[in-house]
C-alpha atoms as a PDB file:
ATOM      1  CA  MET A   1       0.014  -0.025  -0.012  1.00  0.00           C
ATOM      2  CA  THR A   2       1.325   3.438  -0.986  1.00  0.00           C
ATOM      3  CA  GLN A   3       1.974   5.652   2.018  1.00  0.00           C
ATOM      4  CA  HIS A   4      -0.242   8.710   2.084  1.00  0.00           C
ATOM      5  CA  GLN A   5       1.582  11.968   1.390  1.00  0.00           C
ATOM      6  CA  PRO A   6       0.223  14.806   3.507  1.00  0.00           C
ATOM      7  CA  GLN A   7      -1.976  17.285   1.580  1.00  0.00           C
ATOM      8  CA  THR A   8      -3.358  20.691   2.165  1.00  0.00           C
ATOM      9  CA  ILE A   9      -7.116  20.517   2.608  1.00  0.00           C
ATOM     10  CA  VAL A  10      -9.618  23.345   2.946  1.00  0.00           C
ATOM     11  CA  VAL A  11     -12.929  22.461   4.587  1.00  0.00           C
ATOM     12  CA  THR A  12     -15.721  25.057   4.808  1.00  0.00           C
ATOM     13  CA  GLY A  13     -18.345  24.698   7.540  1.00  0.00           C
ATOM     14  CA  SER A  14     -15.795  22.778   9.586  1.00  0.00           C
ATOM     15  CA  SER A  15     -16.802  23.916  13.116  1.00  0.00           C
ATOM     16  CA  GLY A  16     -19.388  21.164  13.404  1.00  0.00           C
ATOM     17  CA  GLY A  17     -21.162  18.220  11.781  1.00  0.00           C
ATOM     18  CA  ILE A  18     -20.056  16.740   8.510  1.00  0.00           C
ATOM     19  CA  GLY A  19     -17.435  19.472   7.940  1.00  0.00           C
ATOM     20  CA  ARG A  20     -15.817  18.953  11.292  1.00  0.00           C
ATOM     21  CA  ALA A  21     -15.902  15.146  11.077  1.00  0.00           C
ATOM     22  CA  SER A  22     -14.278  15.367   7.668  1.00  0.00           C
ATOM     23  CA  ALA A  23     -11.585  17.767   8.882  1.00  0.00           C
ATOM     24  CA  ILE A  24     -10.741  15.401  11.746  1.00  0.00           C
ATOM     25  CA  ALA A  25     -10.625  12.426   9.340  1.00  0.00           C
ATOM     26  CA  PHE A  26      -8.192  14.308   7.106  1.00  0.00           C
ATOM     27  CA  GLY A  27      -6.169  15.182  10.159  1.00  0.00           C
ATOM     28  CA  ARG A  28      -6.056  11.479  11.162  1.00  0.00           C
ATOM     29  CA  ARG A  29      -4.000  10.703   8.073  1.00  0.00           C
ATOM     30  CA  GLY A  30      -1.602  13.595   8.707  1.00  0.00           C
ATOM     31  CA  ASP A  31      -2.993  16.213   6.354  1.00  0.00           C
ATOM     32  CA  ARG A  32      -2.753  20.017   6.813  1.00  0.00           C
ATOM     33  CA  VAL A  33      -6.339  21.132   7.324  1.00  0.00           C
ATOM     34  CA  ALA A  34      -7.621  24.734   6.975  1.00  0.00           C
ATOM     35  CA  LEU A  35     -10.840  25.217   8.909  1.00  0.00           C
ATOM     36  CA  LEU A  36     -13.230  27.770   7.489  1.00  0.00           C
ATOM     37  CA  ALA A  37     -16.387  28.757   9.425  1.00  0.00           C
ATOM     38  CA  ARG A  38     -17.777  31.696  11.437  1.00  0.00           C
ATOM     39  CA  GLY A  39     -17.879  30.479  15.047  1.00  0.00           C
ATOM     40  CA  ARG A  40     -14.653  31.029  16.961  1.00  0.00           C
ATOM     41  CA  ALA A  41     -15.386  28.475  19.705  1.00  0.00           C
ATOM     42  CA  GLY A  42     -16.471  25.840  17.186  1.00  0.00           C
ATOM     43  CA  LEU A  43     -13.361  26.415  15.111  1.00  0.00           C
ATOM     44  CA  GLU A  44     -11.026  26.154  18.090  1.00  0.00           C
ATOM     45  CA  GLY A  45     -12.657  22.921  19.195  1.00  0.00           C
ATOM     46  CA  ALA A  46     -12.351  21.501  15.707  1.00  0.00           C
ATOM     47  CA  ALA A  47      -8.691  22.582  15.472  1.00  0.00           C
ATOM     48  CA  ARG A  48      -7.902  20.806  18.742  1.00  0.00           C
ATOM     49  CA  GLU A  49      -9.446  17.584  17.483  1.00  0.00           C
ATOM     50  CA  VAL A  50      -7.664  17.762  14.129  1.00  0.00           C
ATOM     51  CA  GLU A  51      -4.348  18.223  15.951  1.00  0.00           C
ATOM     52  CA  GLN A  52      -5.116  15.380  18.414  1.00  0.00           C
ATOM     53  CA  ALA A  53      -5.939  13.140  15.400  1.00  0.00           C
ATOM     54  CA  GLY A  54      -2.453  13.800  14.002  1.00  0.00           C
ATOM     55  CA  GLY A  55      -2.993  16.568  11.504  1.00  0.00           C
ATOM     56  CA  THR A  56      -2.019  20.247  11.401  1.00  0.00           C
ATOM     57  CA  ALA A  57      -4.873  22.739  11.767  1.00  0.00           C
ATOM     58  CA  LEU A  58      -5.296  26.305  10.700  1.00  0.00           C
ATOM     59  CA  ILE A  59      -8.269  28.389  11.855  1.00  0.00           C
ATOM     60  CA  VAL A  60      -9.516  30.877   9.253  1.00  0.00           C
ATOM     61  CA  PRO A  61     -12.791  32.572  10.415  1.00  0.00           C
ATOM     62  CA  THR A  62     -14.816  33.042   7.226  1.00  0.00           C
ATOM     63  CA  ASP A  63     -18.410  33.779   6.149  1.00  0.00           C
ATOM     64  CA  VAL A  64     -18.595  31.849   2.902  1.00  0.00           C
ATOM     65  CA  ALA A  65     -21.528  34.103   1.703  1.00  0.00           C
ATOM     66  CA  ASP A  66     -18.889  36.828   1.226  1.00  0.00           C
ATOM     67  CA  HIS A  67     -16.734  36.162  -1.838  1.00  0.00           C
ATOM     68  CA  ASP A  68     -13.927  38.479  -0.663  1.00  0.00           C
ATOM     69  CA  GLN A  69     -13.671  36.671   2.654  1.00  0.00           C
ATOM     70  CA  VAL A  70     -13.398  33.329   0.898  1.00  0.00           C
ATOM     71  CA  GLU A  71     -10.659  34.593  -1.381  1.00  0.00           C
ATOM     72  CA  ALA A  72      -8.834  36.178   1.533  1.00  0.00           C
ATOM     73  CA  ALA A  73      -9.087  32.831   3.410  1.00  0.00           C
ATOM     74  CA  ALA A  74      -7.472  30.958   0.503  1.00  0.00           C
ATOM     75  CA  ARG A  75      -4.556  33.449   0.492  1.00  0.00           C
ATOM     76  CA  THR A  76      -4.102  32.897   4.230  1.00  0.00           C
ATOM     77  CA  VAL A  77      -4.040  29.134   3.744  1.00  0.00           C
ATOM     78  CA  GLU A  78      -1.375  29.439   0.999  1.00  0.00           C
ATOM     79  CA  GLU A  79       0.761  31.686   3.183  1.00  0.00           C
ATOM     80  CA  HIS A  80       0.705  29.067   6.001  1.00  0.00           C
ATOM     81  CA  PHE A  81       0.520  25.735   4.170  1.00  0.00           C
ATOM     82  CA  GLY A  82       1.473  26.377   0.551  1.00  0.00           C
ATOM     83  CA  GLU A  83      -0.518  25.114  -2.413  1.00  0.00           C
ATOM     84  CA  ILE A  84      -4.025  23.835  -1.745  1.00  0.00           C
ATOM     85  CA  ASP A  85      -4.693  20.261  -2.949  1.00  0.00           C
ATOM     86  CA  VAL A  86      -8.311  19.666  -2.020  1.00  0.00           C
ATOM     87  CA  TRP A  87     -11.182  22.075  -1.468  1.00  0.00           C
ATOM     88  CA  VAL A  88     -14.248  20.676   0.359  1.00  0.00           C
ATOM     89  CA  ASN A  89     -17.440  22.785   0.335  1.00  0.00           C
ATOM     90  CA  VAL A  90     -19.747  21.915   3.223  1.00  0.00           C
ATOM     91  CA  ALA A  91     -20.968  25.121   4.839  1.00  0.00           C
ATOM     92  CA  PHE A  92     -24.777  25.734   4.782  1.00  0.00           C
ATOM     93  CA  THR A  93     -27.647  27.110   6.736  1.00  0.00           C
ATOM     94  CA  SER A  94     -31.397  26.543   6.673  1.00  0.00           C
ATOM     95  CA  VAL A  95     -34.820  27.573   7.888  1.00  0.00           C
ATOM     96  CA  PHE A  96     -37.380  25.020   9.045  1.00  0.00           C
ATOM     97  CA  ALA A  97     -40.773  26.367   8.054  1.00  0.00           C
ATOM     98  CA  PRO A  98     -43.391  26.309   5.313  1.00  0.00           C
ATOM     99  CA  VAL A  99     -42.606  28.567   2.389  1.00  0.00           C
ATOM    100  CA  TRP A 100     -45.210  31.149   3.361  1.00  0.00           C
ATOM    101  CA  GLU A 101     -43.599  31.561   6.808  1.00  0.00           C
ATOM    102  CA  ILE A 102     -40.106  32.332   5.470  1.00  0.00           C
ATOM    103  CA  THR A 103     -39.205  35.956   4.764  1.00  0.00           C
ATOM    104  CA  PRO A 104     -37.490  37.154   1.564  1.00  0.00           C
ATOM    105  CA  GLU A 105     -34.445  38.140   3.644  1.00  0.00           C
ATOM    106  CA  GLU A 106     -34.223  34.592   5.087  1.00  0.00           C
ATOM    107  CA  PHE A 107     -34.460  33.019   1.627  1.00  0.00           C
ATOM    108  CA  THR A 108     -31.700  35.280   0.434  1.00  0.00           C
ATOM    109  CA  ARG A 109     -29.406  34.450   3.349  1.00  0.00           C
ATOM    110  CA  VAL A 110     -29.880  30.719   3.043  1.00  0.00           C
ATOM    111  CA  THR A 111     -29.196  30.918  -0.718  1.00  0.00           C
ATOM    112  CA  GLN A 112     -26.103  33.050  -0.211  1.00  0.00           C
ATOM    113  CA  VAL A 113     -24.598  30.584   2.273  1.00  0.00           C
ATOM    114  CA  THR A 114     -25.846  27.222   1.009  1.00  0.00           C
ATOM    115  CA  TYR A 115     -25.539  27.843  -2.740  1.00  0.00           C
ATOM    116  CA  LEU A 116     -23.303  30.871  -3.399  1.00  0.00           C
ATOM    117  CA  GLY A 117     -20.956  29.818  -0.662  1.00  0.00           C
ATOM    118  CA  PHE A 118     -20.204  26.705  -2.734  1.00  0.00           C
ATOM    119  CA  VAL A 119     -19.890  28.815  -5.895  1.00  0.00           C
ATOM    120  CA  TYR A 120     -17.421  31.215  -4.246  1.00  0.00           C
ATOM    121  CA  GLY A 121     -15.404  28.370  -2.721  1.00  0.00           C
ATOM    122  CA  THR A 122     -15.277  26.619  -6.116  1.00  0.00           C
ATOM    123  CA  MET A 123     -14.284  29.759  -7.999  1.00  0.00           C
ATOM    124  CA  THR A 124     -11.566  30.457  -5.427  1.00  0.00           C
ATOM    125  CA  ALA A 125     -10.209  26.926  -5.756  1.00  0.00           C
ATOM    126  CA  LEU A 126     -10.308  27.072  -9.582  1.00  0.00           C
ATOM    127  CA  ARG A 127      -8.182  30.193  -9.623  1.00  0.00           C
ATOM    128  CA  ARG A 128      -5.432  28.173  -8.010  1.00  0.00           C
ATOM    129  CA  PHE A 129      -6.076  24.724  -9.525  1.00  0.00           C
ATOM    130  CA  LYS A 130      -6.456  25.533 -13.209  1.00  0.00           C
ATOM    131  CA  PRO A 131      -3.071  27.245 -13.762  1.00  0.00           C
ATOM    132  CA  ARG A 132      -1.239  24.242 -12.497  1.00  0.00           C
ATOM    133  CA  ASP A 133      -3.731  21.717 -13.950  1.00  0.00           C
ATOM    134  CA  ARG A 134      -4.412  19.762 -10.749  1.00  0.00           C
ATOM    135  CA  GLY A 135      -6.578  19.856  -7.703  1.00  0.00           C
ATOM    136  CA  THR A 136      -9.850  18.387  -6.373  1.00  0.00           C
ATOM    137  CA  ILE A 137     -13.101  19.992  -5.362  1.00  0.00           C
ATOM    138  CA  VAL A 138     -15.594  18.018  -3.293  1.00  0.00           C
ATOM    139  CA  GLN A 139     -19.136  19.360  -3.083  1.00  0.00           C
ATOM    140  CA  VAL A 140     -21.040  17.914  -0.066  1.00  0.00           C
ATOM    141  CA  GLY A 141     -24.577  17.569  -1.302  1.00  0.00           C
ATOM    142  CA  SER A 142     -27.644  15.789  -0.078  1.00  0.00           C
ATOM    143  CA  ALA A 143     -30.392  13.472  -1.213  1.00  0.00           C
ATOM    144  CA  LEU A 144     -32.312  16.780  -1.164  1.00  0.00           C
ATOM    145  CA  ALA A 145     -30.249  17.949  -4.119  1.00  0.00           C
ATOM    146  CA  TYR A 146     -32.655  15.765  -6.158  1.00  0.00           C
ATOM    147  CA  ARG A 147     -35.696  15.411  -3.964  1.00  0.00           C
ATOM    148  CA  GLY A 148     -37.271  18.435  -2.282  1.00  0.00           C
ATOM    149  CA  ILE A 149     -39.057  17.863   0.985  1.00  0.00           C
ATOM    150  CA  PRO A 150     -41.513  20.017   2.999  1.00  0.00           C
ATOM    151  CA  LEU A 151     -40.294  22.536   5.575  1.00  0.00           C
ATOM    152  CA  GLN A 152     -36.883  22.888   3.951  1.00  0.00           C
ATOM    153  CA  SER A 153     -37.639  24.781   0.701  1.00  0.00           C
ATOM    154  CA  ALA A 154     -34.741  27.210   1.027  1.00  0.00           C
ATOM    155  CA  TYR A 155     -32.215  24.518   1.777  1.00  0.00           C
ATOM    156  CA  CYS A 156     -33.521  22.186  -0.951  1.00  0.00           C
ATOM    157  CA  GLY A 157     -33.387  25.055  -3.445  1.00  0.00           C
ATOM    158  CA  GLY A 158     -29.760  25.675  -2.568  1.00  0.00           C
ATOM    159  CA  LYS A 159     -28.822  22.003  -2.870  1.00  0.00           C
ATOM    160  CA  HIS A 160     -30.602  21.648  -6.213  1.00  0.00           C
ATOM    161  CA  ALA A 161     -28.718  24.714  -7.426  1.00  0.00           C
ATOM    162  CA  ILE A 162     -25.365  23.221  -6.339  1.00  0.00           C
ATOM    163  CA  GLN A 163     -26.200  20.059  -8.290  1.00  0.00           C
ATOM    164  CA  GLY A 164     -26.781  21.986 -11.519  1.00  0.00           C
ATOM    165  CA  PHE A 165     -23.752  24.214 -10.938  1.00  0.00           C
ATOM    166  CA  ASN A 166     -21.480  21.270 -10.372  1.00  0.00           C
ATOM    167  CA  GLU A 167     -22.719  19.311 -13.384  1.00  0.00           C
ATOM    168  CA  ALA A 168     -22.109  22.339 -15.593  1.00  0.00           C
ATOM    169  CA  LEU A 169     -18.602  22.776 -14.162  1.00  0.00           C
ATOM    170  CA  ARG A 170     -17.761  19.096 -14.608  1.00  0.00           C
ATOM    171  CA  CYS A 171     -18.736  19.253 -18.313  1.00  0.00           C
ATOM    172  CA  GLU A 172     -16.528  22.317 -18.773  1.00  0.00           C
ATOM    173  CA  LEU A 173     -13.548  20.639 -17.157  1.00  0.00           C
ATOM    174  CA  LEU A 174     -14.101  17.495 -19.275  1.00  0.00           C
ATOM    175  CA  HIS A 175     -14.284  19.639 -22.397  1.00  0.00           C
ATOM    176  CA  GLU A 176     -10.861  21.066 -21.601  1.00  0.00           C
ATOM    177  CA  GLY A 177      -9.398  17.732 -20.727  1.00  0.00           C
ATOM    178  CA  SER A 178      -8.436  19.255 -17.399  1.00  0.00           C
ATOM    179  CA  ASN A 179      -6.777  17.341 -14.563  1.00  0.00           C
ATOM    180  CA  VAL A 180      -8.781  19.444 -12.145  1.00  0.00           C
ATOM    181  CA  HIS A 181     -11.673  17.352 -10.812  1.00  0.00           C
ATOM    182  CA  THR A 182     -14.982  18.062  -9.177  1.00  0.00           C
ATOM    183  CA  THR A 183     -17.219  15.497  -7.582  1.00  0.00           C
ATOM    184  CA  MET A 184     -20.283  15.522  -5.344  1.00  0.00           C
ATOM    185  CA  VAL A 185     -21.257  13.464  -2.333  1.00  0.00           C
ATOM    186  CA  GLN A 186     -24.982  13.110  -1.675  1.00  0.00           C
ATOM    187  CA  MET A 187     -25.646  12.712   2.061  1.00  0.00           C
ATOM    188  CA  PRO A 188     -28.455  11.253   4.143  1.00  0.00           C
ATOM    189  CA  GLY A 189     -30.002  12.700   7.302  1.00  0.00           C
ATOM    190  CA  THR A 190     -27.004  13.252   9.661  1.00  0.00           C
ATOM    191  CA  ASN A 191     -26.660  13.860  13.371  1.00  0.00           C
ATOM    192  CA  THR A 192     -25.172  17.313  13.314  1.00  0.00           C
ATOM    193  CA  PRO A 193     -25.461  20.294  15.655  1.00  0.00           C
ATOM    194  CA  GLN A 194     -27.516  22.270  13.078  1.00  0.00           C
ATOM    195  CA  PHE A 195     -30.732  20.924  14.519  1.00  0.00           C
ATOM    196  CA  ARG A 196     -29.860  22.664  17.818  1.00  0.00           C
ATOM    197  CA  TRP A 197     -29.353  26.037  16.216  1.00  0.00           C
ATOM    198  CA  VAL A 198     -31.287  26.103  12.941  1.00  0.00           C
ATOM    199  CA  LEU A 199     -33.934  28.804  12.582  1.00  0.00           C
ATOM    200  CA  SER A 200     -37.173  26.927  13.120  1.00  0.00           C
ATOM    201  CA  ARG A 201     -40.825  27.898  13.258  1.00  0.00           C
ATOM    202  CA  LEU A 202     -41.986  24.363  13.892  1.00  0.00           C
ATOM    203  CA  PRO A 203     -43.901  23.635  17.102  1.00  0.00           C
ATOM    204  CA  LYS A 204     -41.552  20.728  18.003  1.00  0.00           C
ATOM    205  CA  LYS A 205     -37.790  20.342  17.952  1.00  0.00           C
ATOM    206  CA  ALA A 206     -36.388  19.807  14.452  1.00  0.00           C
ATOM    207  CA  GLN A 207     -34.636  16.556  13.561  1.00  0.00           C
ATOM    208  CA  PRO A 208     -33.173  14.926  10.436  1.00  0.00           C
ATOM    209  CA  VAL A 209     -35.434  12.611   8.400  1.00  0.00           C
ATOM    210  CA  PRO A 210     -34.668   9.113   9.710  1.00  0.00           C
ATOM    211  CA  PRO A 211     -32.670   6.931   9.351  1.00  0.00           C
ATOM    212  CA  ILE A 212     -30.008   9.236  10.884  1.00  0.00           C
ATOM    213  CA  TYR A 213     -26.286   8.643  10.365  1.00  0.00           C
ATOM    214  CA  GLN A 214     -23.296   9.788  12.406  1.00  0.00           C
ATOM    215  CA  PRO A 215     -21.076  12.497  10.877  1.00  0.00           C
ATOM    216  CA  GLU A 216     -18.139  10.076  10.869  1.00  0.00           C
ATOM    217  CA  VAL A 217     -19.987   7.838   8.337  1.00  0.00           C
ATOM    218  CA  THR A 218     -20.513  10.719   5.997  1.00  0.00           C
ATOM    219  CA  ALA A 219     -16.925  11.892   6.490  1.00  0.00           C
ATOM    220  CA  LYS A 220     -15.713   8.560   5.097  1.00  0.00           C
ATOM    221  CA  GLY A 221     -17.634   9.399   1.946  1.00  0.00           C
ATOM    222  CA  VAL A 222     -15.979  12.824   1.728  1.00  0.00           C
ATOM    223  CA  LEU A 223     -12.438  11.370   2.102  1.00  0.00           C
ATOM    224  CA  TYR A 224     -13.063   8.650  -0.428  1.00  0.00           C
ATOM    225  CA  ALA A 225     -14.423  11.196  -2.936  1.00  0.00           C
ATOM    226  CA  ALA A 226     -11.376  13.404  -2.370  1.00  0.00           C
ATOM    227  CA  ASP A 227      -9.111  10.450  -3.197  1.00  0.00           C
ATOM    228  CA  HIS A 228     -11.224   9.238  -6.126  1.00  0.00           C
ATOM    229  CA  PRO A 229     -12.649  12.413  -7.698  1.00  0.00           C
ATOM    230  CA  LYS A 230     -13.164  11.156 -11.242  1.00  0.00           C
ATOM    231  CA  ARG A 231     -16.597   9.716 -10.437  1.00  0.00           C
ATOM    232  CA  ARG A 232     -19.255  12.356 -10.931  1.00  0.00           C
ATOM    233  CA  GLU A 233     -20.892  11.655  -7.547  1.00  0.00           C
ATOM    234  CA  TYR A 234     -21.229   9.369  -4.592  1.00  0.00           C
ATOM    235  CA  TRP A 235     -24.269   8.368  -2.539  1.00  0.00           C
ATOM    236  CA  VAL A 236     -23.931   7.792   1.206  1.00  0.00           C
ATOM    237  CA  GLY A 237     -26.532   5.719   3.080  1.00  0.00           C
ATOM    238  CA  GLY A 238     -29.225   3.319   1.943  1.00  0.00           C
ATOM    239  CA  SER A 239     -31.861   5.983   2.563  1.00  0.00           C
ATOM    240  CA  THR A 240     -30.119   8.266   0.023  1.00  0.00           C
ATOM    241  CA  VAL A 241     -30.137   5.493  -2.541  1.00  0.00           C
ATOM    242  CA  GLY A 242     -33.825   4.718  -1.909  1.00  0.00           C
ATOM    243  CA  THR A 243     -34.838   8.388  -2.049  1.00  0.00           C
ATOM    244  CA  LEU A 244     -33.003   9.066  -5.316  1.00  0.00           C
ATOM    245  CA  ILE A 245     -34.234   5.950  -7.054  1.00  0.00           C
ATOM    246  CA  GLY A 246     -37.768   6.392  -5.791  1.00  0.00           C
ATOM    247  CA  ASN A 247     -37.735  10.004  -6.949  1.00  0.00           C
ATOM    248  CA  ALA A 248     -36.539   8.984 -10.405  1.00  0.00           C
ATOM    249  CA  ILE A 249     -39.209   6.306 -10.772  1.00  0.00           C
ATOM    250  CA  ALA A 250     -42.275   7.771  -9.050  1.00  0.00           C
ATOM    251  CA  PRO A 251     -41.744  11.420  -8.000  1.00  0.00           C
ATOM    252  CA  GLY A 252     -45.505  12.026  -7.801  1.00  0.00           C
ATOM    253  CA  VAL A 253     -45.920   9.196  -5.325  1.00  0.00           C
ATOM    254  CA  LEU A 254     -43.157  10.662  -3.221  1.00  0.00           C
ATOM    255  CA  ASP A 255     -44.856  14.066  -3.318  1.00  0.00           C
ATOM    256  CA  ARG A 256     -47.997  12.565  -1.714  1.00  0.00           C
ATOM    257  CA  TYR A 257     -46.041  10.456   0.701  1.00  0.00           C
ATOM    258  CA  LEU A 258     -43.944  13.401   1.948  1.00  0.00           C
ATOM    259  CA  GLY A 259     -47.064  15.591   2.074  1.00  0.00           C
ATOM    260  CA  LYS A 260     -48.426  13.116   4.653  1.00  0.00           C
ATOM    261  CA  THR A 261     -45.255  12.205   6.552  1.00  0.00           C
ATOM    262  CA  GLY A 262     -42.708  14.964   5.960  1.00  0.00           C
ATOM    263  CA  PHE A 263     -43.950  17.309   8.695  1.00  0.00           C
ATOM    264  CA  SER A 264     -44.000  14.753  11.512  1.00  0.00           C
ATOM    265  CA  SER A 265     -40.754  12.936  10.422  1.00  0.00           C
ATOM    266  CA  GLN A 266     -38.769  16.148  10.782  1.00  0.00           C
ATOM    267  CA  GLN A 267     -39.860  16.889  14.354  1.00  0.00           C
ATOM    268  CA  THR A 268     -39.303  15.174  17.678  1.00  0.00           C
ATOM    269  CA  LYS A 269     -42.068  14.897  20.304  1.00  0.00           C
ATOM    270  CA  GLU A 270     -40.439  17.625  22.418  1.00  0.00           C
ATOM    271  CA  PRO A 271     -41.578  21.286  22.263  1.00  0.00           C
ATOM    272  CA  ARG A 272     -39.254  23.690  20.520  1.00  0.00           C
ATOM    273  CA  ASP A 273     -36.893  25.584  22.794  1.00  0.00           C
ATOM    274  CA  GLU A 274     -37.840  29.267  22.564  1.00  0.00           C
ATOM    275  CA  ASP A 275     -34.450  30.401  23.849  1.00  0.00           C
ATOM    276  CA  ARG A 276     -32.309  28.259  21.541  1.00  0.00           C
ATOM    277  CA  PRO A 277     -29.461  29.873  19.525  1.00  0.00           C
ATOM    278  CA  VAL A 278     -30.068  30.664  15.863  1.00  0.00           C
ATOM    279  CA  ASN A 279     -27.125  30.635  13.400  1.00  0.00           C
ATOM    280  CA  LEU A 280     -28.727  32.149  10.286  1.00  0.00           C
ATOM    281  CA  TRP A 281     -27.311  35.610  10.742  1.00  0.00           C
ATOM    282  CA  ASN A 282     -24.707  35.116  13.413  1.00  0.00           C
ATOM    283  CA  ALA A 283     -22.576  32.113  14.418  1.00  0.00           C
ATOM    284  CA  ALA A 284     -24.276  30.078  17.152  1.00  0.00           C
ATOM    285  CA  ASP A 285     -20.923  28.576  18.114  1.00  0.00           C
ATOM    286  CA  GLU A 286     -19.042  31.810  18.526  1.00  0.00           C
ATOM    287  CA  GLU A 287     -18.745  31.438  22.307  1.00  0.00           C
ATOM    288  CA  ARG A 288     -19.799  27.783  22.791  1.00  0.00           C
ATOM    289  CA  ASP A 289     -18.400  24.728  21.038  1.00  0.00           C
ATOM    290  CA  TYR A 290     -21.266  22.337  20.126  1.00  0.00           C
ATOM    291  CA  GLY A 291     -18.891  19.618  18.904  1.00  0.00           C
ATOM    292  CA  THR A 292     -19.276  17.350  15.877  1.00  0.00           C
ATOM    293  CA  HIS A 293     -22.509  15.552  16.826  1.00  0.00           C
ATOM    294  CA  GLY A 294     -26.036  16.654  17.338  1.00  0.00           C
ATOM    295  CA  ALA A 295     -28.573  15.370  19.843  1.00  0.00           C
ATOM    296  CA  PHE A 296     -29.378  12.010  18.255  1.00  0.00           C
ATOM    297  CA  ASP A 297     -26.439   9.789  19.285  1.00  0.00           C
ATOM    298  CA  ASP A 298     -28.861   7.223  20.743  1.00  0.00           C
ATOM    299  CA  ILE A 299     -30.502   6.501  17.364  1.00  0.00           C
ATOM    300  CA  ALA A 300     -27.826   7.512  14.818  1.00  0.00           C
ATOM    301  CA  LYS A 301     -26.181   4.748  12.730  1.00  0.00           C
ATOM    302  CA  SER A 302     -22.416   4.461  12.992  1.00  0.00           C
ATOM    303  CA  ARG A 303     -21.884   2.529   9.752  1.00  0.00           C
ATOM    304  CA  SER A 304     -23.274   2.240   6.233  1.00  0.00           C
ATOM    305  CA  TYR A 305     -22.972  -1.030   4.309  1.00  0.00           C
ATOM    306  CA  GLN A 306     -24.229   0.823   1.238  1.00  0.00           C
ATOM    307  CA  LEU A 307     -21.260   3.247   1.390  1.00  0.00           C
ATOM    308  CA  HIS A 308     -18.808   0.383   1.523  1.00  0.00           C
ATOM    309  CA  ALA A 309     -20.571  -1.253  -1.432  1.00  0.00           C
ATOM    310  CA  SER A 310     -20.563   2.023  -3.362  1.00  0.00           C
ATOM    311  CA  GLN A 311     -16.837   2.502  -2.863  1.00  0.00           C
ATOM    312  CA  HIS A 312     -16.042  -1.074  -3.906  1.00  0.00           C
ATOM    313  CA  HIS A 313     -18.611  -1.574  -6.594  1.00  0.00           C
ATOM    314  CA  GLY A 314     -16.006  -2.911  -9.003  1.00  0.00           C
ATOM    315  CA  LEU A 315     -14.890  -5.691  -6.697  1.00  0.00           C
ATOM    316  CA  LEU A 316     -18.468  -6.412  -5.648  1.00  0.00           C
ATOM    317  CA  GLY A 317     -19.514  -6.518  -9.317  1.00  0.00           C
ATOM    318  CA  ALA A 318     -16.710  -8.931 -10.115  1.00  0.00           C
ATOM    319  CA  ALA A 319     -17.663 -11.083  -7.139  1.00  0.00           C
ATOM    320  CA  ALA A 320     -21.276 -11.061  -8.208  1.00  0.00           C
ATOM    321  CA  ALA A 321     -20.355 -11.939 -11.811  1.00  0.00           C
ATOM    322  CA  ALA A 322     -18.151 -14.809 -10.492  1.00  0.00           C
ATOM    323  CA  GLY A 323     -21.018 -16.002  -8.404  1.00  0.00           C
ATOM    324  CA  VAL A 324     -23.446 -15.985 -11.347  1.00  0.00           C
ATOM    325  CA  ALA A 325     -20.872 -17.748 -13.469  1.00  0.00           C
ATOM    326  CA  GLY A 326     -20.329 -20.402 -10.823  1.00  0.00           C
ATOM    327  CA  LEU A 327     -24.075 -20.943 -10.392  1.00  0.00           C
ATOM    328  CA  THR A 328     -24.519 -21.217 -14.178  1.00  0.00           C
ATOM    329  CA  THR A 329     -21.756 -23.804 -14.366  1.00  0.00           C
ATOM    330  CA  ALA A 330     -23.206 -25.772 -11.498  1.00  0.00           C
ATOM    331  CA  LEU A 331     -26.684 -25.818 -13.133  1.00  0.00           C
ATOM    332  CA  ALA A 332     -25.206 -26.775 -16.466  1.00  0.00           C
ATOM    333  CA  ARG A 333     -23.464 -29.786 -14.866  1.00  0.00           C
ATOM    334  CA  ARG A 334     -26.675 -30.978 -13.384  1.00  0.00           C
ATOM    335  CA  ARG A 335     -28.350 -31.159 -16.755  1.00  0.00           C
END
């Protein structure tokens, strides 16, 4: 096995959840990890864990909705670590409410962070990657990039936009025969701190649509995509596969199903905390580190057999083919 050569990795939204779990995983293999997010306490906590895992961390407070801040962050990373090898876009925000209860300003903010933050990060990375004809961009998406669900219209719109943006970019890079690669990782419901601080107008506490996965599971998908970026996208979790296939086959049926179940499945039985922090406009983790996980450790899955199968589909396909061939031979001999 070839020994991993440390790389310089930029991870946006790295103070919690998937971004933080991914940053720690990169650190575990000795990479230099630049942590981009708004919350100082969250960033400091993530940096400690990256260092404890064996990596080198650099905190760069950044609001990805501001293109100038993203560009300045990249310059800071280069000054400290040198050339950037991998740029991972994760940062997002959301509002849990029906469309008619979301203000225009809130839609604008979610779109700026969740969609334009990815665009700005990608553009910043491309300015550095294209001249030297190498580099990898990983877009952390969601099953909701294909399938919109109730109560998350602004977030779903942002993820759909990222999907279209990334597909267009990939075609352009292929047209040029570029050695710069972009890939997307579609995620399932994940146990992240966002459900503690998301702006919500729901009567009960918000939760991911079950089944819920731990951030470390999704981080494995991010690392694999970073190392194997030629595939256009990866799916993490059986629920993601089921959602995307179901939406492709019978989207109208899913509309009706989600209309009946989508409100209750995104809420716990506990009343919403009226004094909870909200991170839409200001970082909820500026003074308090919420860590990597959310509040659903008791029910979150710590592994995904589908992810393993997805990453080893060639070997599994060969094994399946061998099995079919063996069965065919055995049946032939019986005749």
